C-alpha atoms as a PDB file:
ATOM      1  CA  MET A   1      -0.028  -0.017   0.024  1.00  0.00           C
ATOM      2  CA  LYS A   2       1.525   3.289  -1.102  1.00  0.00           C
ATOM      3  CA  VAL A   3      -0.432   5.833   0.950  1.00  0.00           C
ATOM      4  CA  GLY A   4       0.886   6.968   4.317  1.00  0.00           C
ATOM      5  CA  ASP A   5      -2.504   8.168   5.595  1.00  0.00           C
ATOM      6  CA  PHE A   6      -5.997   6.747   5.216  1.00  0.00           C
ATOM      7  CA  ILE A   7      -8.158   9.688   4.167  1.00  0.00           C
ATOM      8  CA  SER A   8     -10.318   8.729   1.160  1.00  0.00           C
ATOM      9  CA  VAL A   9     -11.150   5.767  -1.045  1.00  0.00           C
ATOM     10  CA  ARG A  10      -9.930   7.945  -3.950  1.00  0.00           C
ATOM     11  CA  ASP A  11      -6.371   7.500  -2.600  1.00  0.00           C
ATOM     12  CA  LEU A  12      -6.618   3.726  -2.957  1.00  0.00           C
ATOM     13  CA  GLU A  13      -6.192   1.296  -5.809  1.00  0.00           C
ATOM     14  CA  LYS A  14      -8.103  -1.952  -6.011  1.00  0.00           C
ATOM     15  CA  ASN A  15      -4.990  -3.931  -5.207  1.00  0.00           C
ATOM     16  CA  ASP A  16      -4.564  -1.845  -1.991  1.00  0.00           C
ATOM     17  CA  ILE A  17      -8.121  -2.796  -0.949  1.00  0.00           C
ATOM     18  CA  ASP A  18      -7.570  -6.419  -1.846  1.00  0.00           C
ATOM     19  CA  PHE A  19      -4.393  -6.461   0.229  1.00  0.00           C
ATOM     20  CA  LEU A  20      -6.119  -4.986   3.235  1.00  0.00           C
ATOM     21  CA  LEU A  21      -9.121  -7.244   3.019  1.00  0.00           C
ATOM     22  CA  ASP A  22      -6.778 -10.311   2.882  1.00  0.00           C
ATOM     23  CA  LYS A  23      -4.830  -8.906   5.868  1.00  0.00           C
ATOM     24  CA  ALA A  24      -8.093  -8.322   7.825  1.00  0.00           C
ATOM     25  CA  GLU A  25      -9.120 -11.945   7.057  1.00  0.00           C
ATOM     26  CA  ALA A  26      -5.770 -13.264   8.395  1.00  0.00           C
ATOM     27  CA  THR A  27      -6.034 -10.906  11.395  1.00  0.00           C
ATOM     28  CA  GLU A  28      -9.541 -12.111  12.277  1.00  0.00           C
ATOM     29  CA  LYS A  29      -8.306 -15.731  12.361  1.00  0.00           C
ATOM     30  CA  LYS A  30      -5.475 -14.852  14.762  1.00  0.00           C
ATOM     31  CA  MET A  31      -7.334 -12.382  17.004  1.00  0.00           C
ATOM     32  CA  ALA A  32      -7.994 -14.900  19.735  1.00  0.00           C
ATOM     33  CA  GLU A  33      -4.281 -15.599  20.120  1.00  0.00           C
ATOM     34  CA  GLY A  34      -3.453 -12.023  21.142  1.00  0.00           C
ATOM     35  CA  CYS A  35      -0.889  -9.696  19.603  1.00  0.00           C
ATOM     36  CA  SER A  36       1.881  -7.398  20.758  1.00  0.00           C
ATOM     37  CA  GLU A  37       2.829  -6.125  17.284  1.00  0.00           C
ATOM     38  CA  LEU A  38       2.426  -2.468  18.311  1.00  0.00           C
ATOM     39  CA  ASP A  39       3.686  -2.693  21.862  1.00  0.00           C
ATOM     40  CA  GLY A  40       4.999   0.689  22.878  1.00  0.00           C
ATOM     41  CA  LYS A  41       2.926   2.559  20.242  1.00  0.00           C
ATOM     42  CA  VAL A  42       0.284   5.116  21.077  1.00  0.00           C
ATOM     43  CA  VAL A  43      -2.926   5.663  19.050  1.00  0.00           C
ATOM     44  CA  ALA A  44      -4.932   8.847  19.610  1.00  0.00           C
ATOM     45  CA  THR A  45      -8.687   8.930  18.877  1.00  0.00           C
ATOM     46  CA  LEU A  46      -9.981  12.484  18.255  1.00  0.00           C
ATOM     47  CA  PHE A  47     -13.713  12.494  17.775  1.00  0.00           C
ATOM     48  CA  PHE A  48     -15.233  15.891  17.255  1.00  0.00           C
ATOM     49  CA  GLU A  49     -18.594  14.271  16.429  1.00  0.00           C
ATOM     50  CA  PRO A  50     -20.488  11.601  18.384  1.00  0.00           C
ATOM     51  CA  SER A  51     -19.582   7.979  17.690  1.00  0.00           C
ATOM     52  CA  THR A  52     -20.032   4.557  19.226  1.00  0.00           C
ATOM     53  CA  ARG A  53     -18.999   1.803  16.823  1.00  0.00           C
ATOM     54  CA  THR A  54     -16.232   3.598  14.932  1.00  0.00           C
ATOM     55  CA  ARG A  55     -14.618   5.033  18.032  1.00  0.00           C
ATOM     56  CA  LEU A  56     -14.811   1.865  20.145  1.00  0.00           C
ATOM     57  CA  SER A  57     -13.770  -0.445  17.322  1.00  0.00           C
ATOM     58  CA  PHE A  58     -10.699   1.746  16.597  1.00  0.00           C
ATOM     59  CA  GLN A  59      -9.811   1.681  20.317  1.00  0.00           C
ATOM     60  CA  THR A  60     -10.340  -2.065  20.493  1.00  0.00           C
ATOM     61  CA  ALA A  61      -8.301  -2.592  17.340  1.00  0.00           C
ATOM     62  CA  ALA A  62      -5.333  -0.613  18.652  1.00  0.00           C
ATOM     63  CA  GLN A  63      -5.448  -2.347  22.037  1.00  0.00           C
ATOM     64  CA  ARG A  64      -5.688  -5.834  20.392  1.00  0.00           C
ATOM     65  CA  LEU A  65      -2.498  -4.935  18.508  1.00  0.00           C
ATOM     66  CA  GLY A  66      -0.759  -4.031  21.817  1.00  0.00           C
ATOM     67  CA  ALA A  67      -0.899  -0.228  21.457  1.00  0.00           C
ATOM     68  CA  LYS A  68      -1.968   2.197  24.116  1.00  0.00           C
ATOM     69  CA  VAL A  69      -4.892   4.511  23.401  1.00  0.00           C
ATOM     70  CA  ILE A  70      -5.352   8.178  24.331  1.00  0.00           C
ATOM     71  CA  ASP A  71      -8.854   9.539  23.754  1.00  0.00           C
ATOM     72  CA  PHE A  72      -9.499  13.155  22.958  1.00  0.00           C
ATOM     73  CA  GLY A  73     -13.263  12.708  23.541  1.00  0.00           C
ATOM     74  CA  SER A  74     -15.463  15.752  22.941  1.00  0.00           C
ATOM     75  CA  THR A  75     -14.210  19.264  22.844  1.00  0.00           C
ATOM     76  CA  SER A  76     -15.964  20.172  26.093  1.00  0.00           C
ATOM     77  CA  GLY A  77     -13.173  18.909  28.249  1.00  0.00           C
ATOM     78  CA  THR A  78     -10.282  20.262  26.196  1.00  0.00           C
ATOM     79  CA  SER A  79      -8.507  23.535  25.544  1.00  0.00           C
ATOM     80  CA  MET A  80     -10.603  24.056  22.468  1.00  0.00           C
ATOM     81  CA  VAL A  81     -13.280  25.607  24.745  1.00  0.00           C
ATOM     82  CA  LYS A  82     -10.572  28.181  25.533  1.00  0.00           C
ATOM     83  CA  GLY A  83     -10.153  29.027  21.907  1.00  0.00           C
ATOM     84  CA  GLU A  84      -7.341  26.635  20.872  1.00  0.00           C
ATOM     85  CA  THR A  85      -7.420  26.099  17.100  1.00  0.00           C
ATOM     86  CA  PHE A  86      -7.942  22.783  15.401  1.00  0.00           C
ATOM     87  CA  THR A  87      -4.443  23.193  13.844  1.00  0.00           C
ATOM     88  CA  ASP A  88      -2.833  23.567  17.250  1.00  0.00           C
ATOM     89  CA  THR A  89      -4.788  20.697  18.725  1.00  0.00           C
ATOM     90  CA  ILE A  90      -3.572  18.370  15.900  1.00  0.00           C
ATOM     91  CA  LYS A  91       0.039  19.523  16.386  1.00  0.00           C
ATOM     92  CA  ILE A  92      -0.171  18.890  20.153  1.00  0.00           C
ATOM     93  CA  VAL A  93      -1.696  15.412  19.891  1.00  0.00           C
ATOM     94  CA  ASP A  94       0.675  14.523  17.086  1.00  0.00           C
ATOM     95  CA  GLY A  95       3.463  15.094  19.566  1.00  0.00           C
ATOM     96  CA  TYR A  96       2.003  12.550  21.930  1.00  0.00           C
ATOM     97  CA  ALA A  97       0.821   9.744  19.581  1.00  0.00           C
ATOM     98  CA  ASP A  98       2.160   7.548  16.741  1.00  0.00           C
ATOM     99  CA  LEU A  99      -1.181   7.586  14.820  1.00  0.00           C
ATOM    100  CA  LEU A 100      -4.225   9.863  14.879  1.00  0.00           C
ATOM    101  CA  VAL A 101      -7.774   8.726  14.173  1.00  0.00           C
ATOM    102  CA  ILE A 102     -10.025  11.723  13.414  1.00  0.00           C
ATOM    103  CA  ARG A 103     -13.751  12.325  13.018  1.00  0.00           C
ATOM    104  CA  HIS A 104     -14.899  15.850  12.324  1.00  0.00           C
ATOM    105  CA  SER A 105     -18.063  17.595  11.070  1.00  0.00           C
ATOM    106  CA  VAL A 106     -16.169  19.571   8.480  1.00  0.00           C
ATOM    107  CA  GLU A 107     -15.435  18.001   5.103  1.00  0.00           C
ATOM    108  CA  GLY A 108     -11.767  17.938   4.402  1.00  0.00           C
ATOM    109  CA  ALA A 109     -10.796  18.151   8.074  1.00  0.00           C
ATOM    110  CA  ALA A 110      -8.985  14.808   8.069  1.00  0.00           C
ATOM    111  CA  ARG A 111      -7.075  15.718   4.903  1.00  0.00           C
ATOM    112  CA  TYR A 112      -6.021  18.998   6.500  1.00  0.00           C
ATOM    113  CA  ALA A 113      -4.956  17.200   9.718  1.00  0.00           C
ATOM    114  CA  ALA A 114      -2.805  14.811   7.629  1.00  0.00           C
ATOM    115  CA  LYS A 115      -0.968  17.844   6.201  1.00  0.00           C
ATOM    116  CA  VAL A 116      -0.408  19.270   9.651  1.00  0.00           C
ATOM    117  CA  ALA A 117       0.608  16.032  11.476  1.00  0.00           C
ATOM    118  CA  GLU A 118       3.901  14.158  11.080  1.00  0.00           C
ATOM    119  CA  HIS A 119       2.326  10.842  12.055  1.00  0.00           C
ATOM    120  CA  PRO A 120      -0.200   8.853  10.029  1.00  0.00           C
ATOM    121  CA  VAL A 121      -3.869  10.053  10.096  1.00  0.00           C
ATOM    122  CA  ILE A 122      -6.958   7.929   9.593  1.00  0.00           C
ATOM    123  CA  ASN A 123     -10.270   9.562   8.530  1.00  0.00           C
ATOM    124  CA  ALA A 124     -12.991   8.252  10.726  1.00  0.00           C
ATOM    125  CA  GLY A 125     -15.566  10.382   8.902  1.00  0.00           C
ATOM    126  CA  ASP A 126     -15.465  14.006   7.738  1.00  0.00           C
ATOM    127  CA  GLY A 127     -18.875  15.670   7.405  1.00  0.00           C
ATOM    128  CA  GLY A 128     -20.898  14.245   4.521  1.00  0.00           C
ATOM    129  CA  ASN A 129     -17.728  13.520   2.523  1.00  0.00           C
ATOM    130  CA  GLN A 130     -15.893  10.192   3.253  1.00  0.00           C
ATOM    131  CA  HIS A 131     -15.800   7.330   5.714  1.00  0.00           C
ATOM    132  CA  PRO A 132     -13.137   5.059   4.097  1.00  0.00           C
ATOM    133  CA  THR A 133     -12.673   2.551   6.951  1.00  0.00           C
ATOM    134  CA  GLN A 134     -16.440   1.965   7.068  1.00  0.00           C
ATOM    135  CA  MET A 135     -16.251   1.229   3.364  1.00  0.00           C
ATOM    136  CA  MET A 136     -13.470  -1.274   4.020  1.00  0.00           C
ATOM    137  CA  LEU A 137     -15.471  -3.171   6.648  1.00  0.00           C
ATOM    138  CA  ASP A 138     -18.511  -3.105   4.371  1.00  0.00           C
ATOM    139  CA  LEU A 139     -16.590  -4.659   1.502  1.00  0.00           C
ATOM    140  CA  TYR A 140     -14.979  -7.137   3.923  1.00  0.00           C
ATOM    141  CA  THR A 141     -18.441  -8.169   5.178  1.00  0.00           C
ATOM    142  CA  ILE A 142     -19.921  -8.542   1.692  1.00  0.00           C
ATOM    143  CA  ARG A 143     -16.943 -10.642   0.537  1.00  0.00           C
ATOM    144  CA  LYS A 144     -17.170 -12.762   3.702  1.00  0.00           C
ATOM    145  CA  LEU A 145     -20.885 -13.376   3.361  1.00  0.00           C
ATOM    146  CA  LYS A 146     -21.170 -13.624  -0.467  1.00  0.00           C
ATOM    147  CA  LYS A 147     -17.668 -14.941  -1.280  1.00  0.00           C
ATOM    148  CA  LYS A 148     -17.271 -12.199  -3.829  1.00  0.00           C
ATOM    149  CA  ILE A 149     -18.049  -8.551  -4.613  1.00  0.00           C
ATOM    150  CA  ASP A 150     -17.849  -8.361  -8.405  1.00  0.00           C
ATOM    151  CA  GLY A 151     -21.079  -8.799 -10.240  1.00  0.00           C
ATOM    152  CA  LEU A 152     -23.330  -8.611  -7.194  1.00  0.00           C
ATOM    153  CA  ASN A 153     -26.529  -6.551  -7.293  1.00  0.00           C
ATOM    154  CA  VAL A 154     -26.181  -4.015  -4.410  1.00  0.00           C
ATOM    155  CA  CYS A 155     -28.928  -1.603  -3.453  1.00  0.00           C
ATOM    156  CA  LEU A 156     -27.898   1.424  -1.414  1.00  0.00           C
ATOM    157  CA  VAL A 157     -30.990   2.761   0.309  1.00  0.00           C
ATOM    158  CA  GLY A 158     -31.617   5.919   2.376  1.00  0.00           C
ATOM    159  CA  ASP A 159     -30.094   9.326   2.710  1.00  0.00           C
ATOM    160  CA  LEU A 160     -27.624   9.367  -0.156  1.00  0.00           C
ATOM    161  CA  LYS A 161     -27.115  13.153  -0.132  1.00  0.00           C
ATOM    162  CA  TYR A 162     -25.590  13.412   3.343  1.00  0.00           C
ATOM    163  CA  GLY A 163     -24.555   9.810   3.982  1.00  0.00           C
ATOM    164  CA  ARG A 164     -20.728   9.763   3.758  1.00  0.00           C
ATOM    165  CA  VAL A 165     -20.826   6.016   4.186  1.00  0.00           C
ATOM    166  CA  MET A 166     -22.757   5.616   0.957  1.00  0.00           C
ATOM    167  CA  ARG A 167     -20.470   7.908  -0.995  1.00  0.00           C
ATOM    168  CA  SER A 168     -17.387   5.869  -0.034  1.00  0.00           C
ATOM    169  CA  LEU A 169     -19.155   2.536  -0.528  1.00  0.00           C
ATOM    170  CA  MET A 170     -20.481   3.411  -4.004  1.00  0.00           C
ATOM    171  CA  TYR A 171     -16.950   4.198  -5.090  1.00  0.00           C
ATOM    172  CA  GLY A 172     -15.566   0.961  -3.611  1.00  0.00           C
ATOM    173  CA  LEU A 173     -18.330  -1.170  -5.112  1.00  0.00           C
ATOM    174  CA  ALA A 174     -17.714   0.396  -8.546  1.00  0.00           C
ATOM    175  CA  MET A 175     -14.035  -0.615  -8.314  1.00  0.00           C
ATOM    176  CA  TYR A 176     -15.247  -4.232  -8.122  1.00  0.00           C
ATOM    177  CA  LYS A 177     -17.745  -4.001 -10.907  1.00  0.00           C
ATOM    178  CA  ALA A 178     -20.764  -4.567  -8.696  1.00  0.00           C
ATOM    179  CA  ASN A 179     -24.119  -3.415 -10.057  1.00  0.00           C
ATOM    180  CA  VAL A 180     -25.211  -0.572  -7.829  1.00  0.00           C
ATOM    181  CA  THR A 181     -28.803   0.716  -7.493  1.00  0.00           C
ATOM    182  CA  LEU A 182     -29.182   4.035  -5.593  1.00  0.00           C
ATOM    183  CA  ILE A 183     -32.586   4.299  -3.843  1.00  0.00           C
ATOM    184  CA  SER A 184     -33.402   7.436  -1.927  1.00  0.00           C
ATOM    185  CA  PRO A 185     -36.222   9.819  -1.048  1.00  0.00           C
ATOM    186  CA  LYS A 186     -36.640  12.705  -3.438  1.00  0.00           C
ATOM    187  CA  GLY A 187     -34.227  15.439  -2.563  1.00  0.00           C
ATOM    188  CA  LEU A 188     -31.813  13.097  -0.927  1.00  0.00           C
ATOM    189  CA  GLU A 189     -30.217  11.628  -4.070  1.00  0.00           C
ATOM    190  CA  MET A 190     -26.520  10.937  -4.370  1.00  0.00           C
ATOM    191  CA  ASP A 191     -24.366  13.900  -5.469  1.00  0.00           C
ATOM    192  CA  VAL A 192     -24.528  14.067  -9.300  1.00  0.00           C
ATOM    193  CA  GLU A 193     -20.741  14.581  -9.624  1.00  0.00           C
ATOM    194  CA  ALA A 194     -20.035  11.584  -7.383  1.00  0.00           C
ATOM    195  CA  VAL A 195     -22.162   9.351  -9.599  1.00  0.00           C
ATOM    196  CA  LYS A 196     -20.671  10.774 -12.767  1.00  0.00           C
ATOM    197  CA  GLU A 197     -17.164  10.131 -11.439  1.00  0.00           C
ATOM    198  CA  VAL A 198     -17.609   6.442 -10.765  1.00  0.00           C
ATOM    199  CA  LYS A 199     -19.421   5.859 -14.049  1.00  0.00           C
ATOM    200  CA  GLN A 200     -16.607   7.480 -15.993  1.00  0.00           C
ATOM    201  CA  LYS A 201     -13.688   6.085 -14.008  1.00  0.00           C
ATOM    202  CA  PHE A 202     -14.885   2.511 -13.633  1.00  0.00           C
ATOM    203  CA  ASN A 203     -17.504   2.205 -16.421  1.00  0.00           C
ATOM    204  CA  ALA A 204     -19.840   1.272 -13.522  1.00  0.00           C
ATOM    205  CA  GLU A 205     -23.490   0.237 -13.800  1.00  0.00           C
ATOM    206  CA  ILE A 206     -25.329   2.712 -11.583  1.00  0.00           C
ATOM    207  CA  ILE A 207     -29.117   2.944 -11.444  1.00  0.00           C
ATOM    208  CA  GLU A 208     -30.820   5.814  -9.630  1.00  0.00           C
ATOM    209  CA  THR A 209     -34.429   5.640  -8.432  1.00  0.00           C
ATOM    210  CA  ASN A 210     -36.846   6.806  -5.690  1.00  0.00           C
ATOM    211  CA  GLU A 211     -38.767   3.526  -5.750  1.00  0.00           C
ATOM    212  CA  MET A 212     -38.102   0.774  -3.198  1.00  0.00           C
ATOM    213  CA  ASN A 213     -37.744  -2.231  -5.531  1.00  0.00           C
ATOM    214  CA  LEU A 214     -35.492  -4.777  -3.796  1.00  0.00           C
ATOM    215  CA  ARG A 215     -36.455  -7.958  -5.669  1.00  0.00           C
ATOM    216  CA  ASP A 216     -33.135  -8.509  -7.454  1.00  0.00           C
ATOM    217  CA  ALA A 217     -30.836  -7.388  -4.627  1.00  0.00           C
ATOM    218  CA  ASP A 218     -28.017  -9.671  -3.443  1.00  0.00           C
ATOM    219  CA  VAL A 219     -27.079  -6.996  -0.829  1.00  0.00           C
ATOM    220  CA  LEU A 220     -29.440  -4.394   0.627  1.00  0.00           C
ATOM    221  CA  TYR A 221     -27.413  -1.683   2.423  1.00  0.00           C
ATOM    222  CA  VAL A 222     -29.552   0.796   4.375  1.00  0.00           C
ATOM    223  CA  CYS A 223     -28.525   3.993   6.060  1.00  0.00           C
ATOM    224  CA  ARG A 224     -30.466   6.321   8.326  1.00  0.00           C
ATOM    225  CA  ILE A 225     -31.753   9.728   7.368  1.00  0.00           C
ATOM    226  CA  GLN A 226     -28.969  12.100   8.521  1.00  0.00           C
ATOM    227  CA  LYS A 227     -31.336  14.227  10.547  1.00  0.00           C
ATOM    228  CA  GLU A 228     -28.541  16.269  12.156  1.00  0.00           C
ATOM    229  CA  ARG A 229     -27.407  17.557   8.669  1.00  0.00           C
ATOM    230  CA  PHE A 230     -30.943  18.924   7.796  1.00  0.00           C
ATOM    231  CA  THR A 231     -31.722  22.609   8.228  1.00  0.00           C
ATOM    232  CA  ASP A 232     -35.401  21.671   8.620  1.00  0.00           C
ATOM    233  CA  VAL A 233     -35.794  19.108  11.474  1.00  0.00           C
ATOM    234  CA  TYR A 234     -39.475  18.563  10.753  1.00  0.00           C
ATOM    235  CA  GLU A 235     -38.751  17.719   7.134  1.00  0.00           C
ATOM    236  CA  ALA A 236     -36.118  15.207   8.285  1.00  0.00           C
ATOM    237  CA  GLU A 237     -38.640  13.587  10.641  1.00  0.00           C
ATOM    238  CA  ARG A 238     -41.250  13.348   7.881  1.00  0.00           C
ATOM    239  CA  VAL A 239     -38.836  11.615   5.485  1.00  0.00           C
ATOM    240  CA  GLN A 240     -37.564   9.401   8.317  1.00  0.00           C
ATOM    241  CA  LYS A 241     -41.104   8.056   8.933  1.00  0.00           C
ATOM    242  CA  GLU A 242     -42.026   7.601   5.300  1.00  0.00           C
ATOM    243  CA  PHE A 243     -38.904   5.961   3.894  1.00  0.00           C
ATOM    244  CA  ARG A 244     -38.536   2.619   5.746  1.00  0.00           C
ATOM    245  CA  VAL A 245     -37.663  -0.951   4.841  1.00  0.00           C
ATOM    246  CA  THR A 246     -40.463  -3.206   6.042  1.00  0.00           C
ATOM    247  CA  LYS A 247     -40.817  -6.929   6.406  1.00  0.00           C
ATOM    248  CA  GLU A 248     -43.368  -6.917   3.609  1.00  0.00           C
ATOM    249  CA  GLN A 249     -40.848  -5.256   1.258  1.00  0.00           C
ATOM    250  CA  ILE A 250     -38.294  -8.031   1.658  1.00  0.00           C
ATOM    251  CA  ASP A 251     -40.740 -11.011   1.607  1.00  0.00           C
ATOM    252  CA  GLY A 252     -40.293 -11.417  -2.169  1.00  0.00           C
ATOM    253  CA  CYS A 253     -36.562 -10.930  -2.175  1.00  0.00           C
ATOM    254  CA  LYS A 254     -33.804 -13.469  -2.777  1.00  0.00           C
ATOM    255  CA  LYS A 255     -33.544 -16.015   0.021  1.00  0.00           C
ATOM    256  CA  ASP A 256     -29.869 -15.378   0.429  1.00  0.00           C
ATOM    257  CA  MET A 257     -30.059 -11.598   0.274  1.00  0.00           C
ATOM    258  CA  VAL A 258     -28.151  -9.890   3.095  1.00  0.00           C
ATOM    259  CA  ILE A 259     -29.169  -6.631   4.791  1.00  0.00           C
ATOM    260  CA  LEU A 260     -26.339  -4.394   6.012  1.00  0.00           C
ATOM    261  CA  HIS A 261     -26.454  -1.060   7.923  1.00  0.00           C
ATOM    262  CA  PRO A 262     -23.555   1.107   9.236  1.00  0.00           C
ATOM    263  CA  LEU A 263     -25.565   1.793  12.433  1.00  0.00           C
ATOM    264  CA  PRO A 264     -27.025   3.446  14.452  1.00  0.00           C
ATOM    265  CA  LYS A 265     -30.432   2.560  12.965  1.00  0.00           C
ATOM    266  CA  ILE A 266     -33.436   4.482  14.141  1.00  0.00           C
ATOM    267  CA  ASP A 267     -36.690   3.423  12.435  1.00  0.00           C
ATOM    268  CA  GLU A 268     -35.569   3.029   8.863  1.00  0.00           C
ATOM    269  CA  ILE A 269     -35.619  -0.791   9.254  1.00  0.00           C
ATOM    270  CA  ASP A 270     -38.576  -2.586  10.761  1.00  0.00           C
ATOM    271  CA  LEU A 271     -37.588  -4.083  14.095  1.00  0.00           C
ATOM    272  CA  ALA A 272     -39.006  -7.428  12.952  1.00  0.00           C
ATOM    273  CA  ILE A 273     -36.245  -7.631  10.360  1.00  0.00           C
ATOM    274  CA  ASP A 274     -33.613  -7.856  13.126  1.00  0.00           C
ATOM    275  CA  LYS A 275     -34.714 -11.490  13.670  1.00  0.00           C
ATOM    276  CA  SER A 276     -34.619 -12.237  10.002  1.00  0.00           C
ATOM    277  CA  PRO A 277     -31.775 -14.389   8.557  1.00  0.00           C
ATOM    278  CA  HIS A 278     -31.218 -11.532   6.104  1.00  0.00           C
ATOM    279  CA  ALA A 279     -30.074  -9.160   8.850  1.00  0.00           C
ATOM    280  CA  LYS A 280     -26.271  -9.122   9.153  1.00  0.00           C
ATOM    281  CA  TYR A 281     -25.623  -5.586  10.449  1.00  0.00           C
ATOM    282  CA  PHE A 282     -24.473  -6.655  13.935  1.00  0.00           C
ATOM    283  CA  GLU A 283     -21.963  -9.084  12.409  1.00  0.00           C
ATOM    284  CA  GLN A 284     -20.965  -6.253  10.109  1.00  0.00           C
ATOM    285  CA  ALA A 285     -20.171  -3.938  13.042  1.00  0.00           C
ATOM    286  CA  LYS A 286     -18.108  -6.679  14.629  1.00  0.00           C
ATOM    287  CA  ASN A 287     -15.997  -6.895  11.461  1.00  0.00           C
ATOM    288  CA  GLY A 288     -14.784  -3.353  12.120  1.00  0.00           C
ATOM    289  CA  VAL A 289     -12.201  -4.598  14.611  1.00  0.00           C
ATOM    290  CA  PRO A 290     -10.052  -6.872  12.328  1.00  0.00           C
ATOM    291  CA  VAL A 291     -10.397  -4.461   9.438  1.00  0.00           C
ATOM    292  CA  ARG A 292      -9.225  -1.487  11.447  1.00  0.00           C
ATOM    293  CA  MET A 293      -6.497  -3.599  13.018  1.00  0.00           C
ATOM    294  CA  ALA A 294      -5.209  -4.321   9.530  1.00  0.00           C
ATOM    295  CA  ILE A 295      -5.243  -0.657   8.562  1.00  0.00           C
ATOM    296  CA  ILE A 296      -3.590   0.559  11.730  1.00  0.00           C
ATOM    297  CA  SER A 297      -0.965  -2.174  11.533  1.00  0.00           C
ATOM    298  CA  GLU A 298      -0.114  -1.368   7.887  1.00  0.00           C
ATOM    299  CA  LEU A 299       0.146   2.409   8.440  1.00  0.00           C
ATOM    300  CA  LEU A 300       2.430   2.073  11.499  1.00  0.00           C
ATOM    301  CA  LYS A 301       4.484  -0.555   9.687  1.00  0.00           C
ATOM    302  CA  LYS A 302       5.099   1.907   6.846  1.00  0.00           C
ATOM    303  CA  LYS A 303       5.928   4.659   9.313  1.00  0.00           C
END
């Protein structure tokens, strides 16, 4: 892998992703044995936005590799409430840690941090832009469950305008020549330029629709309505209630279709589906640990 930071799927080649997926698979098989590969290293997690799975899985991944973790937490308990700049905060933490994991509400914040810091930076989500490690664990989960990625019919359903997960995943799926259908409420369609890019770069098959037709899906990937990114909260709540995946909608689907979700899920998936054999989102979340272990290990090995 040529990159020294992990900021965007656009920085990766398909062989980089293949390498990391293979490494994650090998890591998962050895996880129970314990590892001290990164003994003496320090990983800093700086989350300027709320997070459960991404934050905890990164911390777990670092600790399973033998590294120590320092957690920035929210800004409320830091010098940023005194007016310290983002730049200065990154420089300070960079002096304490060997690798920085950053989530921020501003698009491009992780890229900027990578320019400021001397140590590797991993983007754990920047606004509505990118979430590359989530894409990696999504591809890992699909490959693990379906034994391949290329040629699969994958439906991406939900808020495609603000969902950074969906933007990264569409790009990754296009690399593997999966057939992608984008299904969203009106007004929450995927960015036109993002769709155009993957079509031109990968000659990808991308279908866009507002209709919930899931009959041919091998993988149904659902994301929540990003309520916090709406200017009109009531509009967000209306869309949230109307655009849901119900048990009736999946009754006619393929028997081996899998349903994924980056979590947290609110009410965009009927609770009854949790008990369905199609539902694999909790297994998907668990896969975040070996995938992030592989990425952390590779970046620190290069450093």
